[in-house]
Protein backbone atom coordinates (compact mmCIF):
# COMPACT_ATOMS: atom_id res chain seq x y z
CA MET A 1 106.13 141.60 84.70
CA SER A 2 106.01 139.35 87.72
CA PRO A 3 107.38 140.58 91.08
CA VAL A 4 109.87 137.70 91.05
CA ALA A 5 111.62 138.86 87.87
CA PRO A 6 113.59 141.79 89.39
CA ARG A 7 114.81 139.60 92.24
CA TRP A 8 115.77 136.82 89.84
CA HIS A 9 117.71 139.29 87.69
CA LYS A 10 119.52 140.67 90.75
CA PHE A 11 120.36 137.13 91.91
CA TRP A 12 121.60 136.12 88.44
CA THR A 13 123.75 139.27 88.14
CA GLY A 14 125.26 138.57 91.55
CA MET A 15 126.05 134.97 90.61
CA ARG A 16 127.74 136.07 87.37
CA THR A 17 129.91 138.50 89.35
CA LEU A 18 130.72 135.93 92.02
CA LEU A 19 131.75 133.32 89.45
CA GLY A 20 133.66 135.79 87.27
CA ASP A 21 131.42 135.26 84.28
CA ASP A 22 131.06 139.01 83.76
CA ALA A 23 134.81 139.70 83.84
CA TYR A 24 134.98 140.75 80.18
CA GLU A 25 132.05 143.17 80.56
CA ARG A 26 133.67 144.68 83.68
CA TYR A 27 136.97 144.95 81.77
CA LEU A 28 135.26 146.82 78.92
CA ALA A 29 133.55 149.19 81.37
CA HIS A 30 136.92 149.84 83.06
CA CYS A 31 138.59 150.52 79.71
CA ARG A 32 135.85 152.96 78.69
CA ALA A 33 136.02 154.79 82.03
CA ARG A 34 139.77 154.86 82.69
CA HIS A 35 141.47 154.40 79.29
CA PRO A 36 139.18 155.85 76.60
CA ASP A 37 142.10 156.37 74.18
CA CYS A 38 143.20 152.69 74.21
CA THR A 39 141.68 149.88 72.18
CA PRO A 40 140.45 147.10 74.49
CA LEU A 41 141.31 143.45 73.91
CA ASP A 42 138.81 141.30 72.10
CA ARG A 43 137.09 138.54 74.06
CA GLY A 44 139.53 135.81 72.96
CA ALA A 45 142.66 137.82 73.76
CA PHE A 46 141.19 138.82 77.12
CA TYR A 47 140.54 135.17 77.94
CA VAL A 48 144.12 134.18 77.10
CA ALA A 49 145.54 137.11 79.08
CA GLU A 50 143.42 136.19 82.12
CA LEU A 51 144.52 132.56 81.97
CA ASP A 52 148.14 133.67 81.82
CA ARG A 53 147.67 136.08 84.72
CA ARG A 54 146.00 133.45 86.90
CA TRP A 55 148.45 130.62 86.22
CA ARG A 56 151.75 132.50 85.80
CA GLN A 57 152.71 132.23 89.47
CA VAL A 58 151.84 128.55 89.91
CA ASN A 59 155.13 126.68 90.18
CA ARG A 60 154.39 123.45 91.97
CA CYS A 61 154.04 119.94 90.64
CA CYS A 62 150.79 118.84 92.34
């Protein structure tokens, strides 16, 4: 393996976290750690719930 590969992986993981692309994976890890008795949402339901959470408080026209 090249010496660049670990740095590239670390960079890519950081970018996914920064952009929120790993939100579902972090949600699953949280559910496993904190709520092992509950069934987590599937990916589609999680996406809809996150959209609702983000846009619920927006009440302006422009």
